[in-house]
Protein backbone atom coordinates (compact mmCIF):
# COMPACT_ATOMS: atom_id res chain seq x y z
CA UNK A 1 -31.04 -31.02 -22.72
CA UNK A 2 -29.27 -28.62 -25.15
CA UNK A 3 -28.80 -25.98 -22.35
CA UNK A 4 -27.45 -28.74 -20.01
CA UNK A 5 -24.76 -29.85 -22.59
CA UNK A 6 -23.81 -26.19 -23.24
CA UNK A 7 -23.54 -25.53 -19.55
CA UNK A 8 -21.40 -28.72 -19.16
CA UNK A 9 -19.13 -27.58 -21.84
CA UNK A 10 -18.66 -24.13 -20.52
CA UNK A 11 -17.83 -25.39 -17.09
CA UNK A 12 -15.48 -28.07 -18.30
CA UNK A 13 -13.48 -25.34 -19.86
CA UNK A 14 -13.12 -23.39 -16.67
CA UNK A 15 -9.86 -25.21 -15.72
CA UNK A 16 -8.65 -22.90 -13.06
CA UNK A 17 -12.09 -22.76 -11.32
CA UNK A 18 -12.11 -26.49 -11.28
CA UNK A 19 -8.62 -26.57 -9.75
CA UNK A 20 -9.71 -24.07 -7.09
CA UNK A 21 -12.67 -26.14 -6.24
CA UNK A 22 -10.70 -29.18 -6.10
CA UNK A 23 -8.05 -27.66 -3.73
CA UNK A 24 -10.89 -26.57 -1.46
CA UNK A 25 -12.49 -29.92 -1.40
CA UNK A 26 -9.15 -31.56 -0.55
CA UNK A 27 -8.80 -29.39 2.33
CA UNK A 28 -12.42 -29.80 3.44
CA UNK A 29 -11.91 -33.61 3.55
CA UNK A 30 -8.62 -33.15 5.62
CA UNK A 31 -10.22 -30.72 7.98
CA UNK A 32 -13.37 -32.82 8.53
CA UNK A 33 -11.41 -36.01 9.30
CA UNK A 34 -9.13 -34.24 11.69
CA UNK A 35 -11.60 -31.85 13.49
CA UNK A 36 -13.64 -32.52 16.43
CA UNK A 37 -17.23 -33.59 16.18
CA UNK A 38 -18.66 -30.03 16.99
CA UNK A 39 -16.72 -28.74 14.01
CA UNK A 40 -17.95 -31.48 11.68
CA UNK A 41 -21.52 -30.26 11.73
CA UNK A 42 -23.11 -29.76 8.45
CA UNK A 43 -21.52 -27.20 6.20
CA UNK A 44 -18.88 -26.10 8.55
CA UNK A 45 -15.88 -27.19 6.64
CA UNK A 46 -17.11 -25.63 3.44
CA UNK A 47 -17.68 -22.25 5.11
CA UNK A 48 -14.41 -22.53 6.76
CA UNK A 49 -12.26 -23.31 3.83
CA UNK A 50 -13.99 -21.45 1.01
CA UNK A 51 -16.73 -19.04 1.87
CA UNK A 52 -16.30 -17.28 5.04
CA UNK A 53 -13.42 -14.80 4.95
CA UNK A 54 -13.63 -14.20 8.58
CA UNK A 55 -12.10 -17.62 9.24
CA UNK A 56 -9.10 -17.38 6.83
CA UNK A 57 -6.90 -16.26 9.70
CA UNK A 58 -6.29 -20.00 10.20
CA UNK A 59 -3.26 -20.00 8.04
CA UNK A 60 -2.37 -23.56 7.87
CA UNK A 61 -5.75 -24.48 5.95
CA UNK A 62 -5.25 -21.54 3.69
CA UNK A 63 -1.67 -22.38 2.76
CA UNK A 64 -2.91 -25.93 2.09
CA UNK A 65 -5.57 -24.66 -0.39
CA UNK A 66 -2.90 -22.55 -2.19
CA UNK A 67 -0.40 -25.43 -2.44
CA UNK A 68 -3.07 -27.85 -3.84
CA UNK A 69 -4.18 -25.11 -6.41
CA UNK A 70 -0.54 -24.33 -7.39
CA UNK A 71 0.36 -28.18 -7.81
CA UNK A 72 -1.75 -28.16 -11.01
CA UNK A 73 -2.00 -24.43 -12.01
CA UNK A 74 1.49 -23.10 -11.43
CA UNK A 75 3.78 -25.84 -10.04
CA UNK A 76 7.00 -23.95 -10.82
CA UNK A 77 6.06 -21.33 -8.21
CA UNK A 78 5.22 -23.93 -5.64
CA UNK A 79 8.56 -25.62 -6.12
CA UNK A 80 10.35 -22.28 -5.51
CA UNK A 81 8.20 -21.39 -2.35
CA UNK A 82 8.85 -24.72 -0.83
CA UNK A 83 12.61 -24.44 -1.14
CA UNK A 84 12.94 -20.79 -0.53
CA UNK A 85 15.38 -19.62 2.02
CA UNK A 86 12.97 -17.24 3.55
CA UNK A 87 10.07 -19.42 4.67
CA UNK A 88 8.18 -16.61 6.39
CA UNK A 89 8.20 -14.82 3.02
CA UNK A 90 7.18 -17.98 1.27
CA UNK A 91 4.32 -18.63 3.75
CA UNK A 92 3.28 -15.03 3.45
CA UNK A 93 2.83 -15.40 -0.41
CA UNK A 94 0.91 -18.75 0.00
CA UNK A 95 -1.39 -17.26 2.45
CA UNK A 96 -2.29 -14.30 0.04
CA UNK A 97 -2.75 -16.86 -2.77
CA UNK A 98 -5.10 -18.95 -0.61
CA UNK A 99 -7.16 -16.14 0.58
CA UNK A 100 -7.65 -14.91 -3.16
CA UNK A 101 -8.98 -18.40 -3.96
CA UNK A 102 -11.21 -18.36 -0.98
CA UNK A 103 -12.54 -15.03 -1.56
CA UNK A 104 -13.31 -15.85 -5.29
CA UNK A 105 -15.01 -19.28 -4.56
CA UNK A 106 -16.97 -17.92 -1.53
CA UNK A 107 -18.47 -15.11 -3.54
CA UNK A 108 -19.28 -17.29 -6.63
CA UNK A 109 -21.11 -19.63 -4.32
CA UNK A 110 -22.78 -16.78 -2.34
CA UNK A 111 -23.98 -14.92 -5.45
CA UNK A 112 -25.38 -18.08 -7.21
CA UNK A 113 -27.22 -19.28 -4.05
CA UNK A 114 -28.71 -15.90 -3.22
CA UNK A 115 -30.03 -15.45 -6.83
CA UNK A 116 -31.41 -18.91 -6.97
CA UNK A 117 -33.14 -18.43 -3.72
CA UNK A 118 -34.83 -15.10 -4.99
CA UNK A 119 -32.74 -12.85 -2.71
CA UNK A 120 -31.76 -9.57 -4.12
CA UNK A 121 -28.07 -9.02 -4.98
CA UNK A 122 -26.54 -5.53 -3.93
CA UNK A 123 -29.91 -3.95 -3.69
CA UNK A 124 -30.17 -0.61 -5.58
CA UNK A 125 -27.06 -1.47 -7.55
CA UNK A 126 -28.05 -3.98 -10.27
CA UNK A 127 -30.96 -3.93 -12.73
CA UNK A 128 -33.00 -7.31 -13.01
CA UNK A 129 -31.04 -8.28 -16.09
CA UNK A 130 -27.75 -7.38 -14.47
CA UNK A 131 -28.67 -9.41 -11.38
CA UNK A 132 -29.39 -12.26 -13.50
CA UNK A 133 -26.15 -12.20 -15.03
CA UNK A 134 -24.34 -11.84 -11.69
CA UNK A 135 -26.21 -14.81 -10.38
CA UNK A 136 -26.20 -17.16 -13.31
CA UNK A 137 -24.20 -20.28 -12.42
CA UNK A 138 -22.45 -20.50 -15.71
CA UNK A 139 -21.69 -16.81 -16.00
CA UNK A 140 -20.50 -16.84 -12.36
CA UNK A 141 -18.15 -19.54 -12.77
CA UNK A 142 -16.79 -18.42 -15.99
CA UNK A 143 -16.10 -14.93 -14.33
CA UNK A 144 -14.57 -16.64 -11.39
CA UNK A 145 -12.36 -18.64 -13.78
CA UNK A 146 -11.44 -15.47 -15.38
CA UNK A 147 -10.30 -14.15 -11.82
CA UNK A 148 -8.36 -17.28 -11.07
CA UNK A 149 -6.45 -16.94 -14.60
CA UNK A 150 -5.46 -13.56 -13.62
CA UNK A 151 -4.07 -14.96 -10.35
CA UNK A 152 -2.25 -17.83 -12.13
CA UNK A 153 -0.69 -15.28 -14.47
CA UNK A 154 0.53 -13.27 -11.40
CA UNK A 155 1.94 -16.35 -9.90
CA UNK A 156 3.70 -17.20 -13.22
CA UNK A 157 5.33 -13.72 -13.30
CA UNK A 158 6.40 -14.10 -9.69
CA UNK A 159 8.09 -17.54 -10.44
CA UNK A 160 9.92 -15.92 -13.31
CA UNK A 161 11.07 -13.03 -11.16
CA UNK A 162 12.24 -15.36 -8.32
CA UNK A 163 14.09 -17.66 -10.81
CA UNK A 164 15.97 -14.73 -12.58
CA UNK A 165 19.44 -13.67 -11.19
CA UNK A 166 18.89 -12.87 -7.62
CA UNK A 167 15.15 -12.86 -7.71
CA UNK A 168 14.89 -9.08 -7.59
CA UNK A 169 12.96 -6.85 -9.74
CA UNK A 170 14.35 -3.23 -9.49
CA UNK A 171 11.69 -0.49 -8.88
CA UNK A 172 11.69 1.78 -12.00
CA UNK A 173 12.28 5.54 -11.52
CA UNK A 174 10.79 8.85 -12.90
CA UNK A 175 11.86 12.54 -13.00
CA UNK A 176 10.71 14.25 -9.86
CA UNK A 177 9.80 17.62 -11.32
CA UNK A 178 12.25 20.39 -11.21
CA UNK A 179 14.33 18.69 -8.36
CA UNK A 180 15.69 16.53 -11.18
CA UNK A 181 15.80 13.67 -8.70
CA UNK A 182 15.23 10.25 -10.33
CA UNK A 183 12.55 9.06 -7.97
CA UNK A 184 11.54 5.40 -7.54
CA UNK A 185 7.74 4.86 -8.26
CA UNK A 186 7.39 3.23 -4.74
CA UNK A 187 8.83 4.92 -1.71
CA UNK A 188 9.67 3.61 1.78
CA UNK A 189 7.33 5.46 3.99
CA UNK A 190 8.41 5.25 7.60
CA UNK A 191 5.39 6.45 9.73
CA UNK A 192 5.29 3.26 11.49
CA UNK A 193 8.97 2.53 11.16
CA UNK A 194 9.63 2.96 14.82
CA UNK A 195 9.49 1.33 18.32
CA UNK A 196 6.97 3.93 19.74
CA UNK A 197 5.03 7.06 18.70
CA UNK A 198 6.46 8.75 21.90
CA UNK A 199 2.91 9.81 22.78
CA UNK A 200 2.63 8.34 26.22
CA UNK A 201 4.83 6.74 28.98
CA UNK A 202 8.50 6.91 28.81
CA UNK A 203 9.56 8.66 25.49
CA UNK A 204 12.37 6.78 23.39
CA UNK A 205 15.11 9.57 22.95
CA UNK A 206 18.34 7.70 22.77
CA UNK A 207 19.84 4.45 21.12
CA UNK A 208 20.10 2.48 24.32
CA UNK A 209 16.38 2.56 24.71
CA UNK A 210 15.85 0.75 21.35
CA UNK A 211 14.98 -2.99 21.42
CA UNK A 212 17.45 -5.04 19.61
CA UNK A 213 14.90 -7.18 17.65
CA UNK A 214 12.92 -4.00 16.63
CA UNK A 215 16.17 -2.40 15.23
CA UNK A 216 17.40 -5.45 13.46
CA UNK A 217 14.00 -5.64 11.76
CA UNK A 218 14.13 -1.96 10.60
CA UNK A 219 17.78 -2.52 9.27
CA UNK A 220 16.71 -5.69 7.33
CA UNK A 221 13.68 -3.91 5.69
CA UNK A 222 16.03 -0.94 4.65
CA UNK A 223 18.52 -3.49 3.02
CA UNK A 224 15.91 -5.23 1.09
CA UNK A 225 14.23 -1.92 0.10
CA UNK A 226 17.64 -0.69 -1.29
CA UNK A 227 18.19 -4.05 -2.93
CA UNK A 228 14.88 -3.52 -4.81
CA UNK A 229 15.76 -0.11 -5.90
CA UNK A 230 13.52 1.69 -3.39
CA UNK A 231 16.08 4.42 -2.09
CA UNK A 232 13.57 7.15 -1.23
CA UNK A 233 13.24 7.06 2.58
CA UNK A 234 10.47 9.31 3.85
CA UNK A 235 9.93 10.02 7.73
CA UNK A 236 9.06 12.94 9.98
CA UNK A 237 9.69 14.51 13.22
CA UNK A 238 6.18 13.56 14.50
CA UNK A 239 6.77 9.88 13.75
CA UNK A 240 7.85 8.92 17.16
CA UNK A 241 11.48 7.64 17.18
CA UNK A 242 11.60 6.95 13.57
CA UNK A 243 14.28 9.55 12.84
CA UNK A 244 16.37 8.30 15.65
CA UNK A 245 16.14 4.66 14.49
CA UNK A 246 16.57 5.48 10.80
CA UNK A 247 19.77 7.33 11.70
CA UNK A 248 21.09 4.33 13.61
CA UNK A 249 20.13 2.23 10.83
CA UNK A 250 21.84 4.35 8.07
CA UNK A 251 25.09 4.50 10.19
CA UNK A 252 25.28 0.74 10.09
CA UNK A 253 24.47 0.59 6.40
CA UNK A 254 27.19 3.14 5.64
CA UNK A 255 29.78 1.38 7.98
CA UNK A 256 29.05 -1.98 6.32
CA UNK A 257 29.43 -0.62 2.90
CA UNK A 258 25.71 -1.41 1.93
CA UNK A 259 25.39 2.19 0.51
CA UNK A 260 26.66 5.66 0.39
CA UNK A 261 24.71 8.78 1.48
CA UNK A 262 24.65 9.91 -2.13
CA UNK A 263 22.82 6.57 -3.19
CA UNK A 264 19.78 7.71 -0.97
CA UNK A 265 17.05 10.17 -1.23
CA UNK A 266 16.26 11.19 2.41
CA UNK A 267 13.08 13.17 3.02
CA UNK A 268 11.63 14.27 6.42
CA UNK A 269 9.03 16.64 7.54
CA UNK A 270 8.64 19.12 10.23
CA UNK A 271 5.25 20.72 11.55
CA UNK A 272 4.61 24.32 12.48
CA UNK A 273 2.16 26.11 14.89
CA UNK A 274 1.07 29.60 15.83
CA UNK A 275 3.82 29.91 18.35
CA UNK A 276 6.82 28.69 16.14
CA UNK A 277 9.39 31.38 15.60
CA UNK A 278 11.70 31.19 12.62
CA UNK A 279 14.80 30.62 14.66
CA UNK A 280 13.06 27.78 16.41
CA UNK A 281 11.94 26.11 13.22
CA UNK A 282 15.37 26.39 11.84
CA UNK A 283 17.19 24.77 14.97
CA UNK A 284 14.35 22.07 15.02
CA UNK A 285 15.20 21.08 11.43
CA UNK A 286 18.91 20.97 12.12
CA UNK A 287 18.26 18.57 15.11
CA UNK A 288 16.29 16.49 12.77
CA UNK A 289 19.31 16.34 10.38
CA UNK A 290 21.56 15.45 13.37
CA UNK A 291 19.23 12.56 14.39
CA UNK A 292 19.19 11.10 10.82
CA UNK A 293 22.89 11.59 10.74
CA UNK A 294 22.98 12.49 6.91
CA UNK A 295 24.67 15.98 6.99
CA UNK A 296 21.86 17.23 4.47
CA UNK A 297 18.28 16.41 3.48
CA UNK A 298 17.44 15.87 -0.18
CA UNK A 299 13.85 16.81 0.60
CA UNK A 300 12.22 18.68 3.52
CA UNK A 301 8.45 19.11 3.81
CA UNK A 302 6.38 21.40 5.81
CA UNK A 303 4.29 18.86 7.54
CA UNK A 304 0.65 19.31 7.20
CA UNK A 305 0.04 22.69 5.37
CA UNK A 306 -3.68 22.25 5.87
CA UNK A 307 -5.26 25.46 6.62
CA UNK A 308 -5.25 29.21 5.73
CA UNK A 309 -3.37 29.71 9.15
CA UNK A 310 -0.62 27.25 8.16
CA UNK A 311 -0.06 29.22 4.93
CA UNK A 312 -0.04 32.50 6.89
CA UNK A 313 2.58 31.21 9.48
CA UNK A 314 4.86 30.39 6.48
CA UNK A 315 4.36 33.67 4.56
CA UNK A 316 3.11 36.32 6.85
CA UNK A 317 3.92 35.56 10.53
CA UNK A 318 4.81 39.10 11.56
CA UNK A 319 8.18 40.48 12.32
CA UNK A 320 8.58 39.27 15.93
CA UNK A 321 8.30 35.57 14.99
CA UNK A 322 9.41 35.90 11.24
CA UNK A 323 7.97 34.07 8.39
CA UNK A 324 8.77 30.28 8.58
CA UNK A 325 9.40 29.87 4.96
CA UNK A 326 12.51 32.12 5.40
CA UNK A 327 14.09 29.33 7.63
CA UNK A 328 13.69 26.83 4.96
CA UNK A 329 15.22 29.13 2.38
CA UNK A 330 18.24 29.83 4.73
CA UNK A 331 18.71 26.14 5.26
CA UNK A 332 18.63 25.67 1.48
CA UNK A 333 21.25 28.34 0.92
CA UNK A 334 23.46 26.68 3.51
CA UNK A 335 23.28 23.44 1.89
CA UNK A 336 21.36 21.65 4.54
CA UNK A 337 18.25 21.20 2.48
CA UNK A 338 18.35 20.73 -1.12
CA UNK A 339 14.50 20.91 -2.02
CA UNK A 340 11.63 22.45 -0.26
CA UNK A 341 8.02 21.04 -0.38
CA UNK A 342 4.87 20.36 1.70
CA UNK A 343 2.65 17.69 2.66
CA UNK A 344 -1.09 18.27 2.99
CA UNK A 345 -4.51 17.03 3.95
CA UNK A 346 -6.04 20.49 3.03
CA UNK A 347 -8.96 21.39 1.03
CA UNK A 348 -8.17 21.93 -2.63
CA UNK A 349 -8.35 25.67 -2.57
CA UNK A 350 -5.54 25.78 0.11
CA UNK A 351 -3.36 23.41 -1.85
CA UNK A 352 -3.84 25.57 -4.89
CA UNK A 353 -2.67 28.72 -3.14
CA UNK A 354 0.57 26.88 -1.84
CA UNK A 355 1.28 25.74 -5.42
CA UNK A 356 0.87 29.07 -6.74
CA UNK A 357 3.40 30.55 -4.40
CA UNK A 358 5.89 28.89 -6.55
CA UNK A 359 8.13 28.53 -3.49
CA UNK A 360 7.81 24.72 -3.27
CA UNK A 361 9.70 22.04 -5.34
CA UNK A 362 7.22 19.39 -4.64
CA UNK A 363 4.16 18.27 -2.62
CA UNK A 364 2.63 15.22 -0.97
CA UNK A 365 -1.08 15.10 -1.28
CA UNK A 366 -4.05 12.77 -1.90
CA UNK A 367 -4.99 11.82 -5.51
CA UNK A 368 -6.11 8.19 -6.08
CA UNK A 369 -7.48 5.65 -8.47
CA UNK A 370 -10.94 5.77 -6.94
CA UNK A 371 -11.57 9.46 -7.91
CA UNK A 372 -10.64 13.12 -7.39
CA UNK A 373 -11.16 13.96 -3.67
CA UNK A 374 -9.08 15.47 -0.81
CA UNK A 375 -8.23 14.07 2.59
CA UNK A 376 -10.49 16.88 4.05
CA UNK A 377 -13.49 15.18 2.31
CA UNK A 378 -13.75 17.22 -0.68
CA UNK A 379 -14.93 15.01 -3.63
CA UNK A 380 -16.05 14.99 -7.25
CA UNK A 381 -19.58 16.49 -6.43
CA UNK A 382 -19.92 19.65 -8.39
CA UNK A 383 -20.38 21.67 -5.06
CA UNK A 384 -17.02 20.24 -3.69
CA UNK A 385 -13.54 20.20 -4.70
CA UNK A 386 -11.08 17.64 -5.71
CA UNK A 387 -7.25 17.56 -6.37
CA UNK A 388 -7.39 16.85 -10.17
CA UNK A 389 -6.82 20.62 -11.03
CA UNK A 390 -4.13 20.77 -8.35
CA UNK A 391 -2.19 17.87 -9.91
CA UNK A 392 -2.41 19.67 -13.37
CA UNK A 393 -1.41 22.96 -11.58
CA UNK A 394 1.69 21.38 -9.88
CA UNK A 395 2.79 19.75 -13.20
CA UNK A 396 2.55 23.26 -14.66
CA UNK A 397 5.00 24.52 -12.01
CA UNK A 398 7.04 21.45 -12.71
CA UNK A 399 6.79 20.18 -9.16
CA UNK A 400 7.47 16.79 -8.03
CA UNK A 401 4.14 14.89 -7.04
CA UNK A 402 4.16 12.39 -4.13
CA UNK A 403 0.75 10.51 -3.50
CA UNK A 404 0.04 9.92 0.00
CA UNK A 405 -0.97 6.18 1.01
CA UNK A 406 -2.02 5.28 -2.43
CA UNK A 407 -2.35 1.52 -1.54
CA UNK A 408 -4.56 2.16 1.54
CA UNK A 409 -6.41 5.62 1.14
CA UNK A 410 -6.49 4.89 -2.72
CA UNK A 411 -9.52 2.57 -2.33
CA UNK A 412 -7.99 -0.25 -0.31
CA UNK A 413 -7.76 -2.36 -3.52
CA UNK A 414 -5.53 -4.92 -1.82
CA UNK A 415 -8.68 -5.90 0.09
CA UNK A 416 -11.36 -5.16 -2.37
CA UNK A 417 -15.19 -5.43 -1.54
CA UNK A 418 -17.32 -7.85 -3.37
CA UNK A 419 -18.92 -4.99 -5.41
CA UNK A 420 -15.58 -3.69 -6.52
CA UNK A 421 -14.56 -7.22 -7.62
CA UNK A 422 -17.82 -7.87 -9.36
CA UNK A 423 -17.48 -4.63 -11.53
CA UNK A 424 -13.88 -5.13 -12.36
CA UNK A 425 -13.38 -8.87 -12.94
CA UNK A 426 -12.42 -10.79 -15.17
CA UNK A 427 -10.81 -7.75 -16.96
CA UNK A 428 -9.00 -6.39 -13.88
CA UNK A 429 -8.25 -8.03 -10.38
CA UNK A 430 -8.46 -5.14 -7.96
């Protein structure tokens, strides 16, 4: 009796958990009353709206869950989103909120049911005592409530941001090593900022081949990025028609007075091979600058300094072909490139060698929240390598450090596994 009263008290204090359950139940009732007989079979509605993430692509239901939850937990954000001028953006935000609720409730339900049925939770991960804590109904719901509290806090902060001035939060900047550039913490990476990769079919080489809708979308993204203080635009010769389309977009922005060339940090990259001559590399980079229509590059990277061969082509390529690094030095002396760097997916010892050359002002590499490892597979095992020492070495050389795909390759924390959420919640929502 005492345990039942304690359990009831704890669960009654889980206000956000209760609001989430209520929002899901409301949606289940709506779905059950409006669905076909086949879809009203036992349990289908609950799995559909709460516990089966594979079905959350049905956005209308997920949005309704989010709206119901926000109506009691953060009504100010719901009011703003319902009247927002960009309803597509507003709907996207509601979908993310609804999916967070669904994931939290589905896992809470699943963990409790599996534990109560005697099924092992995350075999080989938890001890018996830990598994009991994970599957305990009271602990589970309290932890889920902690997760939902974090969600409400994020929604409250978002509402404040959208209500203040023009609703824009400016991206902070940091000194980018010896380049002395004030670099935004988030960059506009343009690998997929293009109509086509130009890897098959008819290549896109001129403005008249660009679809109007595609280019308008690109321009709008650029405008929004600049509005948020993200003025570092990063692309590459190997990204299909990205340079061409960015060049077209920048001309439009300059003509419209949206920004000036000096307001931007333009970075592109160019690859090398065993057959590349110094003169050819230099000509190719000048063509990239012409496509972008910017006159000069703030940052130019050797694209993919990944092997010992790449290093040798730069610094020891023979008299006939010439050292490719000299092409970059000449372009820098001519004012066409302001800072030289490299991007890399190499093993750590190759990256170290390039840093120690002291030729490069900055680098793009892999170094992430989930541990010290490289894109080539080197990790934290004692027999392997990681990039922790290279980060320290680059800092010693006062190089700018640019992390490649931190939100994706850095553990995909925007789509965490149940295990990642279990370990981090309620102190941190991955």
